Amino acid sequence: MKKIVQTAGRNALEEFAPQFAHFNDDVLFGENWNNQDIDVKTRSIITVVALMSSGITDSSLKFHLENAKEHGVTQKEIAAIITHAAFYAGWPKGWAVFHLAKEVWDVNEDDFPYEDEGMRAHAREMIFPIGAPNDGYAQYFSGKSFLAPVSASQVGVFNVTFEPGCRNNWHIHHAKSGGGQILICTAGRGYYQEEGKEAIEMKPGDCINILAGVKHWHGAAPDEWFSHLAIEVPGEETLNEWCEPVADNIYSKLV
């Protein structure tokens, strides 16, 4: 689980009320929100309902609605949650919260027609599409991957998306001269590893330069979707050699 970090308390009150800022950033969010006895999505829902029940419908509630959406709560789910809570917390409070929720869930769900909630959330993070199932190369992947061509002329550029836990086999980009590949993470979290070296974590904006002849693999973290641009470096007599799958004992070390 990605660690939750909060600095709002210090940003607003570090000089005026440093102890309050400490409790807000380090205890409420730093400790409580990072407690894994319940998942973050459930914690987000509980917080929204608690604030709604207290009649709080200001920017703090909007923040927690945005947080709930970020952690996978869909438009249909939040509508059902607010409706259910309104019977107990009060119908007018339900109306007030719906006004905020409509602002937060302003994205047309038809633009992200994926059944998997995590996949929909991942798609919203990117400017590139997820694309179609990568069936042509499925035999070289452990798990499901997706491929969206960005450029097919001059230099090949593809947005490759991995479901959580998915990774490709060890492989080598061969070339008589030039060649190789460049990876740029566009969303989520994943790993790149060269044979004989430690794995490198990849986050949005991270770039990896892969020279021709280097045996390597790349793929998603066990618990997160992952996408990267794969840029084919021009070269002479280029060839991609697929090797063995990444062993579970090697991949499990990344957890």
Protein backbone atom coordinates (compact mmCIF):
# COMPACT_ATOMS: atom_id res chain seq x y z
CA MET A 1 0.00 0.00 0.00
CA LYS A 2 1.30 3.44 -0.91
CA LYS A 3 2.05 5.41 2.26
CA ILE A 4 -0.24 8.39 2.92
CA VAL A 5 1.66 11.60 3.65
CA GLN A 6 -0.09 14.78 4.83
CA THR A 7 1.41 18.26 5.24
CA ALA A 8 -1.74 20.40 5.39
CA GLY A 9 -1.41 20.96 9.14
CA ARG A 10 2.12 22.35 8.94
CA ASN A 11 1.36 24.29 5.78
CA ALA A 12 -1.48 26.15 7.51
CA LEU A 13 -0.64 26.12 11.21
CA GLU A 14 3.01 25.26 11.82
CA GLU A 15 3.80 28.63 13.42
CA PHE A 16 0.40 29.38 14.98
CA ALA A 17 -0.39 25.91 16.38
CA PRO A 18 2.56 23.54 15.89
CA GLN A 19 1.16 20.85 18.21
CA PHE A 20 -2.16 20.74 16.31
CA ALA A 21 -0.22 20.58 13.04
CA HIS A 22 1.80 17.65 14.45
CA PHE A 23 -1.31 15.75 15.54
CA ASN A 24 -2.97 16.34 12.15
CA ASP A 25 -0.04 15.39 9.92
CA ASP A 26 1.86 12.84 12.00
CA VAL A 27 -0.81 11.13 14.10
CA LEU A 28 -4.18 11.42 12.31
CA PHE A 29 -2.77 10.87 8.82
CA GLY A 30 0.77 9.62 9.45
CA GLU A 31 -0.26 6.84 11.86
CA ASN A 32 -4.04 6.34 11.76
CA TRP A 33 -4.54 6.56 7.99
CA ASN A 34 -1.56 4.28 7.39
CA ASN A 35 -2.86 1.62 9.80
CA GLN A 36 -3.56 -1.45 7.65
CA ASP A 37 -6.15 -3.15 9.86
CA ILE A 38 -8.72 -1.82 7.37
CA ASP A 39 -8.04 -0.85 3.77
CA VAL A 40 -7.86 2.79 2.67
CA LYS A 41 -11.00 2.59 0.54
CA THR A 42 -13.07 1.47 3.55
CA ARG A 43 -11.41 4.10 5.74
CA SER A 44 -12.30 6.76 3.15
CA ILE A 45 -15.97 5.70 3.15
CA ILE A 46 -16.13 5.74 6.96
CA THR A 47 -14.66 9.25 7.02
CA VAL A 48 -17.14 10.59 4.46
CA VAL A 49 -20.08 9.15 6.43
CA ALA A 50 -18.72 10.50 9.74
CA LEU A 51 -18.32 14.02 8.34
CA MET A 52 -21.74 13.86 6.70
CA SER A 53 -23.32 12.75 9.99
CA SER A 54 -21.68 15.72 11.74
CA GLY A 55 -23.13 18.12 9.19
CA ILE A 56 -19.73 19.10 7.81
CA THR A 57 -20.12 19.94 4.12
CA ASP A 58 -17.20 22.32 3.57
CA SER A 59 -13.85 21.86 1.85
CA SER A 60 -12.79 19.16 4.32
CA LEU A 61 -15.61 16.89 3.17
CA LYS A 62 -14.79 17.61 -0.47
CA PHE A 63 -11.18 16.61 0.23
CA HIS A 64 -12.32 13.28 1.67
CA LEU A 65 -14.74 12.71 -1.21
CA GLU A 66 -11.82 13.24 -3.61
CA ASN A 67 -9.74 10.89 -1.46
CA ALA A 68 -12.49 8.25 -1.61
CA LYS A 69 -12.63 8.54 -5.39
CA GLU A 70 -8.86 8.29 -5.65
CA HIS A 71 -8.93 5.04 -3.66
CA GLY A 72 -11.50 3.35 -5.88
CA VAL A 73 -14.96 4.47 -4.73
CA THR A 74 -17.09 4.68 -7.87
CA GLN A 75 -19.92 7.09 -8.67
CA LYS A 76 -22.50 4.34 -8.14
CA GLU A 77 -20.95 3.37 -4.81
CA ILE A 78 -20.80 6.91 -3.42
CA ALA A 79 -24.42 7.51 -4.48
CA ALA A 80 -25.49 4.38 -2.59
CA ILE A 81 -23.36 5.30 0.44
CA ILE A 82 -24.80 8.83 0.71
CA THR A 83 -28.37 7.56 0.18
CA HIS A 84 -27.99 4.92 2.88
CA ALA A 85 -26.39 7.32 5.36
CA ALA A 86 -29.08 9.96 4.71
CA PHE A 87 -31.72 7.71 6.30
CA TYR A 88 -29.73 7.82 9.56
CA ALA A 89 -27.88 11.16 9.42
CA GLY A 90 -30.67 13.25 7.91
CA TRP A 91 -32.12 13.79 4.44
CA PRO A 92 -30.98 17.46 4.14
CA LYS A 93 -27.41 16.37 4.88
CA GLY A 94 -27.67 13.86 2.06
CA TRP A 95 -28.71 16.62 -0.35
CA ALA A 96 -25.78 18.78 0.75
CA VAL A 97 -23.25 15.98 0.28
CA PHE A 98 -24.65 15.08 -3.16
CA HIS A 99 -23.92 18.62 -4.36
CA LEU A 100 -20.23 18.11 -3.49
CA ALA A 101 -20.11 14.53 -4.76
CA LYS A 102 -21.42 15.59 -8.18
CA GLU A 103 -18.50 18.02 -8.47
CA VAL A 104 -15.97 15.35 -7.53
CA TRP A 105 -17.36 12.58 -9.74
CA ASP A 106 -17.57 14.82 -12.77
CA VAL A 107 -15.89 12.34 -15.13
CA ASN A 108 -18.19 10.47 -17.48
CA GLU A 109 -17.88 6.82 -16.48
CA ASP A 110 -18.52 5.89 -20.13
CA ASP A 111 -15.03 7.22 -20.87
CA PHE A 112 -13.61 4.45 -18.66
CA PRO A 113 -15.74 1.38 -19.44
CA TYR A 114 -13.62 -1.08 -17.48
CA GLU A 115 -15.31 -3.47 -15.07
CA ASP A 116 -12.30 -3.54 -12.73
CA GLU A 117 -12.36 -0.54 -10.37
CA GLY A 118 -8.59 -0.43 -10.07
CA MET A 119 -8.27 -0.39 -13.85
CA ARG A 120 -10.72 2.53 -14.11
CA ALA A 121 -8.84 4.49 -11.46
CA HIS A 122 -5.55 3.78 -13.24
CA ALA A 123 -6.99 4.94 -16.59
CA ARG A 124 -7.97 8.28 -15.05
CA GLU A 125 -4.36 8.92 -14.03
CA MET A 126 -3.06 8.79 -17.62
CA ILE A 127 -3.25 11.00 -20.66
CA PHE A 128 -2.59 7.91 -22.80
CA PRO A 129 -5.19 5.15 -23.34
CA ILE A 130 -4.81 1.70 -21.84
CA GLY A 131 -5.52 0.15 -25.21
CA ALA A 132 -6.43 -3.39 -26.18
CA PRO A 133 -5.39 -6.68 -24.55
CA ASN A 134 -1.83 -7.48 -25.59
CA ASP A 135 -2.83 -10.89 -26.96
CA GLY A 136 -0.07 -11.04 -29.57
CA TYR A 137 2.57 -11.15 -26.83
CA ALA A 138 0.54 -12.83 -24.07
CA GLN A 139 2.83 -15.86 -24.09
CA TYR A 140 5.69 -13.65 -22.92
CA PHE A 141 3.82 -12.12 -19.96
CA SER A 142 2.87 -13.46 -16.53
CA GLY A 143 -0.56 -11.85 -16.09
CA LYS A 144 -2.62 -9.55 -18.31
CA SER A 145 -1.11 -6.67 -20.24
CA PHE A 146 -2.54 -4.07 -22.62
CA LEU A 147 -1.06 -2.20 -25.56
CA ALA A 148 -1.89 1.22 -27.01
CA PRO A 149 0.18 2.42 -30.02
CA VAL A 150 1.15 6.09 -29.68
CA SER A 151 3.41 6.36 -32.75
CA ALA A 152 4.04 3.77 -35.46
CA SER A 153 6.18 5.94 -37.77
CA GLN A 154 9.74 7.33 -37.43
CA VAL A 155 10.12 5.90 -33.91
CA GLY A 156 7.79 3.28 -32.45
CA VAL A 157 6.15 4.44 -29.21
CA PHE A 158 3.67 2.26 -27.31
CA ASN A 159 1.87 2.70 -23.99
CA VAL A 160 2.07 -0.66 -22.23
CA THR A 161 -0.15 -1.35 -19.21
CA PHE A 162 0.30 -4.20 -16.70
CA GLU A 163 -2.29 -5.41 -14.21
CA PRO A 164 -1.03 -5.78 -10.61
CA GLY A 165 1.57 -8.54 -10.44
CA CYS A 166 1.99 -8.77 -14.22
CA ARG A 167 5.49 -8.72 -15.69
CA ASN A 168 7.09 -9.72 -18.96
CA ASN A 169 9.69 -12.47 -19.40
CA TRP A 170 13.39 -11.82 -19.33
CA HIS A 171 14.30 -10.54 -22.77
CA ILE A 172 17.07 -8.94 -24.81
CA HIS A 173 16.94 -6.26 -27.50
CA HIS A 174 19.63 -7.23 -29.99
CA ALA A 175 21.09 -4.91 -32.61
CA LYS A 176 24.18 -4.77 -34.83
CA SER A 177 24.37 -1.07 -33.96
CA GLY A 178 22.10 1.30 -32.06
CA GLY A 179 18.90 -0.32 -30.88
CA GLY A 180 17.65 -0.85 -27.36
CA GLN A 181 14.63 0.69 -25.69
CA ILE A 182 13.57 3.60 -23.48
CA LEU A 183 10.87 3.20 -20.82
CA ILE A 184 8.99 6.18 -19.31
CA CYS A 185 6.49 5.45 -16.54
CA THR A 186 3.13 7.13 -17.27
CA ALA A 187 1.06 5.90 -14.30
CA GLY A 188 1.11 3.52 -11.34
CA ARG A 189 4.14 1.75 -9.91
CA GLY A 190 6.35 -0.96 -11.33
CA TYR A 191 9.88 -2.35 -11.57
CA TYR A 192 12.71 -2.72 -14.04
CA GLN A 193 15.56 -5.16 -13.48
CA GLU A 194 18.69 -6.09 -15.38
CA GLU A 195 20.22 -9.52 -14.95
CA GLY A 196 22.64 -9.54 -12.03
CA LYS A 197 21.46 -6.18 -10.65
CA GLU A 198 18.91 -4.99 -8.10
CA ALA A 199 15.42 -4.09 -9.35
CA ILE A 200 14.64 -0.40 -9.86
CA GLU A 201 11.24 0.94 -8.77
CA MET A 202 9.47 3.02 -11.41
CA LYS A 203 6.95 5.81 -10.70
CA PRO A 204 5.32 8.35 -13.05
CA GLY A 205 7.99 10.36 -14.85
CA ASP A 206 10.82 7.89 -14.22
CA CYS A 207 12.88 7.02 -17.29
CA ILE A 208 14.96 3.90 -17.96
CA ASN A 209 17.46 3.61 -20.83
CA ILE A 210 18.02 0.02 -21.95
CA LEU A 211 21.05 -0.68 -24.10
CA ALA A 212 21.03 -3.38 -26.77
CA GLY A 213 22.27 -6.74 -25.54
CA VAL A 214 21.15 -6.25 -21.92
CA LYS A 215 18.96 -9.02 -20.47
CA HIS A 216 16.13 -7.53 -18.40
CA TRP A 217 12.44 -7.55 -17.48
CA HIS A 218 9.86 -4.98 -16.39
CA GLY A 219 6.36 -5.08 -14.95
CA ALA A 220 3.89 -3.97 -12.30
CA ALA A 221 4.23 -3.96 -8.54
CA PRO A 222 2.28 -6.77 -6.86
CA ASP A 223 -0.49 -4.46 -5.65
CA GLU A 224 -0.66 -1.67 -8.26
CA TRP A 225 -1.43 -1.17 -11.94
CA PHE A 226 1.53 0.08 -13.98
CA SER A 227 1.94 1.75 -17.37
CA HIS A 228 4.98 2.91 -19.29
CA LEU A 229 5.81 4.22 -22.72
CA ALA A 230 8.05 1.80 -24.59
CA ILE A 231 10.15 3.73 -27.11
CA GLU A 232 12.01 1.69 -29.69
CA VAL A 233 15.49 3.09 -30.29
CA PRO A 234 16.35 2.88 -34.01
CA GLY A 235 19.17 0.51 -34.90
CA GLU A 236 20.57 -1.80 -37.51
CA GLU A 237 19.47 -5.45 -37.67
CA THR A 238 17.32 -5.19 -34.52
CA LEU A 239 15.79 -8.31 -33.00
CA ASN A 240 13.96 -9.02 -29.76
CA GLU A 241 14.84 -12.30 -28.00
CA TRP A 242 12.32 -13.58 -25.42
CA CYS A 243 13.74 -15.71 -22.62
CA GLU A 244 12.41 -17.49 -19.51
CA PRO A 245 9.67 -16.05 -17.20
CA VAL A 246 10.73 -14.14 -14.11
CA ALA A 247 10.85 -16.68 -11.29
CA ASP A 248 8.42 -16.18 -8.41
CA ASN A 249 11.25 -16.16 -5.86
CA ILE A 250 12.90 -13.25 -7.69
CA TYR A 251 9.65 -11.30 -8.07
CA SER A 252 8.54 -11.96 -4.47
CA LYS A 253 11.64 -10.16 -3.17
CA LEU A 254 10.10 -6.90 -4.43
CA VAL A 255 7.14 -7.16 -1.99
